Amino acid sequence: MEKLTINVKELSKQLGVSIPTAYELTRRSDFPTLKIGRRIVIPVEAFQLWLISSSQQNKEE
């Protein structure tokens, strides 16, 4: 079964950024996150859509 969410540490590895940078990203209003108690998780499918959308916006600029 596929994972539905990833944590911030996994996000930082996937993007190749530091953990503090990944936490900064999760604080953006346009970034998909869920808060479960004190834990921040990122829905994989929403993250993939956000990544595609963000890369398309960068191409347009």
PDB file of N, CA and C in Angstrom:
ATOM      1  N   MET A   1       0.843  -1.189   0.000  1.00  0.00           N
ATOM      2  CA  MET A   1       0.000   0.000   0.000  1.00  0.00           C
ATOM      3  C   MET A   1       0.885   1.249   0.000  1.00  0.00           C
ATOM      4  N   GLU A   2       0.529   2.186  -0.847  1.00  0.00           N
ATOM      5  CA  GLU A   2       1.271   3.443  -0.949  1.00  0.00           C
ATOM      6  C   GLU A   2       1.029   4.324   0.260  1.00  0.00           C
ATOM      7  N   LYS A   3       2.053   5.094   0.618  1.00  0.00           N
ATOM      8  CA  LYS A   3       1.880   6.066   1.699  1.00  0.00           C
ATOM      9  C   LYS A   3       1.027   7.225   1.191  1.00  0.00           C
ATOM     10  N   LEU A   4       0.099   7.677   1.993  1.00  0.00           N
ATOM     11  CA  LEU A   4      -0.758   8.799   1.611  1.00  0.00           C
ATOM     12  C   LEU A   4      -0.140  10.129   2.002  1.00  0.00           C
ATOM     13  N   THR A   5       0.727  10.110   3.024  1.00  0.00           N
ATOM     14  CA  THR A   5       1.356  11.342   3.498  1.00  0.00           C
ATOM     15  C   THR A   5       2.844  11.110   3.732  1.00  0.00           C
ATOM     16  N   ILE A   6       3.586  12.222   3.758  1.00  0.00           N
ATOM     17  CA  ILE A   6       4.993  12.190   4.142  1.00  0.00           C
ATOM     18  C   ILE A   6       5.191  13.208   5.252  1.00  0.00           C
ATOM     19  N   ASN A   7       6.255  13.038   6.019  1.00  0.00           N
ATOM     20  CA  ASN A   7       6.546  14.011   7.068  1.00  0.00           C
ATOM     21  C   ASN A   7       7.565  15.034   6.557  1.00  0.00           C
ATOM     22  N   VAL A   8       7.901  15.995   7.382  1.00  0.00           N
ATOM     23  CA  VAL A   8       8.779  17.083   6.958  1.00  0.00           C
ATOM     24  C   VAL A   8      10.182  16.564   6.633  1.00  0.00           C
ATOM     25  N   LYS A   9      10.658  15.595   7.387  1.00  0.00           N
ATOM     26  CA  LYS A   9      11.987  15.028   7.112  1.00  0.00           C
ATOM     27  C   LYS A   9      12.014  14.372   5.728  1.00  0.00           C
ATOM     28  N   GLU A  10      10.968  13.625   5.393  1.00  0.00           N
ATOM     29  CA  GLU A  10      10.883  12.994   4.073  1.00  0.00           C
ATOM     30  C   GLU A  10      10.757  14.049   2.975  1.00  0.00           C
ATOM     31  N   LEU A  11      10.015  15.114   3.254  1.00  0.00           N
ATOM     32  CA  LEU A  11       9.877  16.217   2.305  1.00  0.00           C
ATOM     33  C   LEU A  11      11.237  16.835   2.003  1.00  0.00           C
ATOM     34  N   SER A  12      12.029  17.072   3.044  1.00  0.00           N
ATOM     35  CA  SER A  12      13.344  17.685   2.842  1.00  0.00           C
ATOM     36  C   SER A  12      14.238  16.787   1.990  1.00  0.00           C
ATOM     37  N   LYS A  13      14.161  15.476   2.197  1.00  0.00           N
ATOM     38  CA  LYS A  13      14.960  14.543   1.388  1.00  0.00           C
ATOM     39  C   LYS A  13      14.510  14.554  -0.068  1.00  0.00           C
ATOM     40  N   GLN A  14      13.193  14.559  -0.293  1.00  0.00           N
ATOM     41  CA  GLN A  14      12.677  14.541  -1.667  1.00  0.00           C
ATOM     42  C   GLN A  14      13.060  15.798  -2.433  1.00  0.00           C
ATOM     43  N   LEU A  15      13.060  16.939  -1.739  1.00  0.00           N
ATOM     44  CA  LEU A  15      13.375  18.201  -2.401  1.00  0.00           C
ATOM     45  C   LEU A  15      14.866  18.528  -2.378  1.00  0.00           C
ATOM     46  N   GLY A  16      15.618  17.817  -1.549  1.00  0.00           N
ATOM     47  CA  GLY A  16      17.051  18.089  -1.443  1.00  0.00           C
ATOM     48  C   GLY A  16      17.349  19.388  -0.722  1.00  0.00           C
ATOM     49  N   VAL A  17      16.534  19.696   0.289  1.00  0.00           N
ATOM     50  CA  VAL A  17      16.728  20.915   1.081  1.00  0.00           C
ATOM     51  C   VAL A  17      16.877  20.527   2.550  1.00  0.00           C
ATOM     52  N   SER A  18      17.311  21.485   3.361  1.00  0.00           N
ATOM     53  CA  SER A  18      17.461  21.220   4.788  1.00  0.00           C
ATOM     54  C   SER A  18      16.088  21.091   5.451  1.00  0.00           C
ATOM     55  N   ILE A  19      16.072  20.493   6.623  1.00  0.00           N
ATOM     56  CA  ILE A  19      14.818  20.341   7.366  1.00  0.00           C
ATOM     57  C   ILE A  19      14.229  21.706   7.733  1.00  0.00           C
ATOM     58  N   PRO A  20      15.035  22.690   8.205  1.00  0.00           N
ATOM     59  CA  PRO A  20      14.452  24.014   8.473  1.00  0.00           C
ATOM     60  C   PRO A  20      13.830  24.659   7.228  1.00  0.00           C
ATOM     61  N   THR A  21      14.446  24.455   6.069  1.00  0.00           N
ATOM     62  CA  THR A  21      13.881  24.991   4.826  1.00  0.00           C
ATOM     63  C   THR A  21      12.562  24.300   4.505  1.00  0.00           C
ATOM     64  N   ALA A  22      12.478  23.010   4.750  1.00  0.00           N
ATOM     65  CA  ALA A  22      11.227  22.276   4.524  1.00  0.00           C
ATOM     66  C   ALA A  22      10.131  22.794   5.452  1.00  0.00           C
ATOM     67  N   TYR A  23      10.484  23.083   6.717  1.00  0.00           N
ATOM     68  CA  TYR A  23       9.498  23.652   7.645  1.00  0.00           C
ATOM     69  C   TYR A  23       9.029  25.027   7.162  1.00  0.00           C
ATOM     70  N   GLU A  24       9.943  25.835   6.627  1.00  0.00           N
ATOM     71  CA  GLU A  24       9.549  27.139   6.070  1.00  0.00           C
ATOM     72  C   GLU A  24       8.527  26.948   4.963  1.00  0.00           C
ATOM     73  N   LEU A  25       8.764  25.980   4.115  1.00  0.00           N
ATOM     74  CA  LEU A  25       7.852  25.696   3.013  1.00  0.00           C
ATOM     75  C   LEU A  25       6.464  25.328   3.527  1.00  0.00           C
ATOM     76  N   THR A  26       6.400  24.567   4.615  1.00  0.00           N
ATOM     77  CA  THR A  26       5.098  24.151   5.151  1.00  0.00           C
ATOM     78  C   THR A  26       4.315  25.324   5.729  1.00  0.00           C
ATOM     79  N   ARG A  27       4.985  26.423   6.008  1.00  0.00           N
ATOM     80  CA  ARG A  27       4.291  27.604   6.541  1.00  0.00           C
ATOM     81  C   ARG A  27       3.699  28.485   5.444  1.00  0.00           C
ATOM     82  N   ARG A  28       4.001  28.189   4.190  1.00  0.00           N
ATOM     83  CA  ARG A  28       3.419  28.959   3.087  1.00  0.00           C
ATOM     84  C   ARG A  28       1.927  28.649   2.980  1.00  0.00           C
ATOM     85  N   SER A  29       1.146  29.672   2.686  1.00  0.00           N
ATOM     86  CA  SER A  29      -0.310  29.476   2.620  1.00  0.00           C
ATOM     87  C   SER A  29      -0.728  28.607   1.435  1.00  0.00           C
ATOM     88  N   ASP A  30       0.078  28.568   0.381  1.00  0.00           N
ATOM     89  CA  ASP A  30      -0.292  27.783  -0.800  1.00  0.00           C
ATOM     90  C   ASP A  30       0.254  26.354  -0.770  1.00  0.00           C
ATOM     91  N   PHE A  31       0.939  25.983   0.303  1.00  0.00           N
ATOM     92  CA  PHE A  31       1.529  24.644   0.395  1.00  0.00           C
ATOM     93  C   PHE A  31       0.588  23.704   1.151  1.00  0.00           C
ATOM     94  N   PRO A  32       0.330  22.508   0.597  1.00  0.00           N
ATOM     95  CA  PRO A  32      -0.634  21.589   1.220  1.00  0.00           C
ATOM     96  C   PRO A  32      -0.066  20.862   2.445  1.00  0.00           C
ATOM     97  N   THR A  33      -0.636  21.113   3.595  1.00  0.00           N
ATOM     98  CA  THR A  33      -0.231  20.409   4.816  1.00  0.00           C
ATOM     99  C   THR A  33      -1.461  20.023   5.624  1.00  0.00           C
ATOM    100  N   LEU A  34      -1.289  19.039   6.472  1.00  0.00           N
ATOM    101  CA  LEU A  34      -2.291  18.667   7.464  1.00  0.00           C
ATOM    102  C   LEU A  34      -1.591  18.685   8.805  1.00  0.00           C
ATOM    103  N   LYS A  35      -2.286  19.163   9.818  1.00  0.00           N
ATOM    104  CA  LYS A  35      -1.722  19.138  11.157  1.00  0.00           C
ATOM    105  C   LYS A  35      -2.511  18.112  11.962  1.00  0.00           C
ATOM    106  N   ILE A  36      -1.804  17.119  12.451  1.00  0.00           N
ATOM    107  CA  ILE A  36      -2.415  16.073  13.267  1.00  0.00           C
ATOM    108  C   ILE A  36      -1.781  16.190  14.641  1.00  0.00           C
ATOM    109  N   GLY A  37      -2.518  16.798  15.555  1.00  0.00           N
ATOM    110  CA  GLY A  37      -1.928  17.135  16.851  1.00  0.00           C
ATOM    111  C   GLY A  37      -0.837  18.175  16.626  1.00  0.00           C
ATOM    112  N   ARG A  38       0.371  17.875  17.041  1.00  0.00           N
ATOM    113  CA  ARG A  38       1.499  18.784  16.813  1.00  0.00           C
ATOM    114  C   ARG A  38       2.294  18.405  15.570  1.00  0.00           C
ATOM    115  N   ARG A  39       1.898  17.327  14.941  1.00  0.00           N
ATOM    116  CA  ARG A  39       2.651  16.790  13.814  1.00  0.00           C
ATOM    117  C   ARG A  39       2.157  17.372  12.492  1.00  0.00           C
ATOM    118  N   ILE A  40       3.094  17.747  11.631  1.00  0.00           N
ATOM    119  CA  ILE A  40       2.766  18.258  10.302  1.00  0.00           C
ATOM    120  C   ILE A  40       3.029  17.146   9.296  1.00  0.00           C
ATOM    121  N   VAL A  41       2.020  16.841   8.480  1.00  0.00           N
ATOM    122  CA  VAL A  41       2.189  15.863   7.408  1.00  0.00           C
ATOM    123  C   VAL A  41       1.743  16.490   6.092  1.00  0.00           C
ATOM    124  N   ILE A  42       2.281  15.965   5.017  1.00  0.00           N
ATOM    125  CA  ILE A  42       2.003  16.499   3.692  1.00  0.00           C
ATOM    126  C   ILE A  42       1.351  15.388   2.866  1.00  0.00           C
ATOM    127  N   PRO A  43       0.120  15.616   2.383  1.00  0.00           N
ATOM    128  CA  PRO A  43      -0.518  14.622   1.518  1.00  0.00           C
ATOM    129  C   PRO A  43       0.280  14.484   0.216  1.00  0.00           C
ATOM    130  N   VAL A  44       0.674  13.281  -0.125  1.00  0.00           N
ATOM    131  CA  VAL A  44       1.549  13.039  -1.273  1.00  0.00           C
ATOM    132  C   VAL A  44       0.931  13.557  -2.567  1.00  0.00           C
ATOM    133  N   GLU A  45      -0.324  13.242  -2.808  1.00  0.00           N
ATOM    134  CA  GLU A  45      -0.963  13.641  -4.062  1.00  0.00           C
ATOM    135  C   GLU A  45      -1.063  15.164  -4.175  1.00  0.00           C
ATOM    136  N   ALA A  46      -1.460  15.830  -3.104  1.00  0.00           N
ATOM    137  CA  ALA A  46      -1.561  17.293  -3.114  1.00  0.00           C
ATOM    138  C   ALA A  46      -0.184  17.925  -3.291  1.00  0.00           C
ATOM    139  N   PHE A  47       0.846  17.329  -2.684  1.00  0.00           N
ATOM    140  CA  PHE A  47       2.212  17.833  -2.835  1.00  0.00           C
ATOM    141  C   PHE A  47       2.662  17.728  -4.288  1.00  0.00           C
ATOM    142  N   GLN A  48       2.371  16.604  -4.935  1.00  0.00           N
ATOM    143  CA  GLN A  48       2.757  16.433  -6.335  1.00  0.00           C
ATOM    144  C   GLN A  48       2.070  17.462  -7.225  1.00  0.00           C
ATOM    145  N   LEU A  49       0.789  17.723  -6.979  1.00  0.00           N
ATOM    146  CA  LEU A  49       0.066  18.740  -7.750  1.00  0.00           C
ATOM    147  C   LEU A  49       0.641  20.126  -7.500  1.00  0.00           C
ATOM    148  N   TRP A  50       0.979  20.426  -6.241  1.00  0.00           N
ATOM    149  CA  TRP A  50       1.575  21.715  -5.901  1.00  0.00           C
ATOM    150  C   TRP A  50       2.913  21.880  -6.615  1.00  0.00           C
ATOM    151  N   LEU A  51       3.711  20.830  -6.655  1.00  0.00           N
ATOM    152  CA  LEU A  51       5.024  20.875  -7.289  1.00  0.00           C
ATOM    153  C   LEU A  51       4.891  21.151  -8.785  1.00  0.00           C
ATOM    154  N   ILE A  52       3.959  20.486  -9.442  1.00  0.00           N
ATOM    155  CA  ILE A  52       3.717  20.708 -10.871  1.00  0.00           C
ATOM    156  C   ILE A  52       3.258  22.138 -11.103  1.00  0.00           C
ATOM    157  N   SER A  53       2.315  22.600 -10.296  1.00  0.00           N
ATOM    158  CA  SER A  53       1.791  23.958 -10.426  1.00  0.00           C
ATOM    159  C   SER A  53       2.887  24.999 -10.211  1.00  0.00           C
ATOM    160  N   SER A  54       3.721  24.788  -9.211  1.00  0.00           N
ATOM    161  CA  SER A  54       4.802  25.732  -8.910  1.00  0.00           C
ATOM    162  C   SER A  54       5.831  25.772 -10.025  1.00  0.00           C
ATOM    163  N   SER A  55       6.142  24.621 -10.596  1.00  0.00           N
ATOM    164  CA  SER A  55       7.138  24.602 -11.668  1.00  0.00           C
ATOM    165  C   SER A  55       6.586  25.264 -12.926  1.00  0.00           C
ATOM    166  N   GLN A  56       5.285  25.149 -13.171  1.00  0.00           N
ATOM    167  CA  GLN A  56       4.677  25.813 -14.324  1.00  0.00           C
ATOM    168  C   GLN A  56       4.670  27.326 -14.137  1.00  0.00           C
ATOM    169  N   GLN A  57       4.415  27.789 -12.913  1.00  0.00           N
ATOM    170  CA  GLN A  57       4.432  29.223 -12.637  1.00  0.00           C
ATOM    171  C   GLN A  57       5.825  29.787 -12.846  1.00  0.00           C
ATOM    172  N   ASN A  58       6.856  29.050 -12.461  1.00  0.00           N
ATOM    173  CA  ASN A  58       8.230  29.511 -12.640  1.00  0.00           C
ATOM    174  C   ASN A  58       8.600  29.599 -14.111  1.00  0.00           C
ATOM    175  N   LYS A  59       8.069  28.706 -14.938  1.00  0.00           N
ATOM    176  CA  LYS A  59       8.340  28.751 -16.374  1.00  0.00           C
ATOM    177  C   LYS A  59       7.714  29.985 -17.013  1.00  0.00           C
ATOM    178  N   GLU A  60       6.553  30.402 -16.508  1.00  0.00           N
ATOM    179  CA  GLU A  60       5.841  31.546 -17.066  1.00  0.00           C
ATOM    180  C   GLU A  60       6.508  32.867 -16.723  1.00  0.00           C
ATOM    181  N   GLU A  61       7.263  32.891 -15.645  1.00  0.00           N
ATOM    182  CA  GLU A  61       7.878  34.148 -15.198  1.00  0.00           C
ATOM    183  C   GLU A  61       9.105  34.493 -15.958  1.00  0.00           C
TER     184      GLU A  61
END
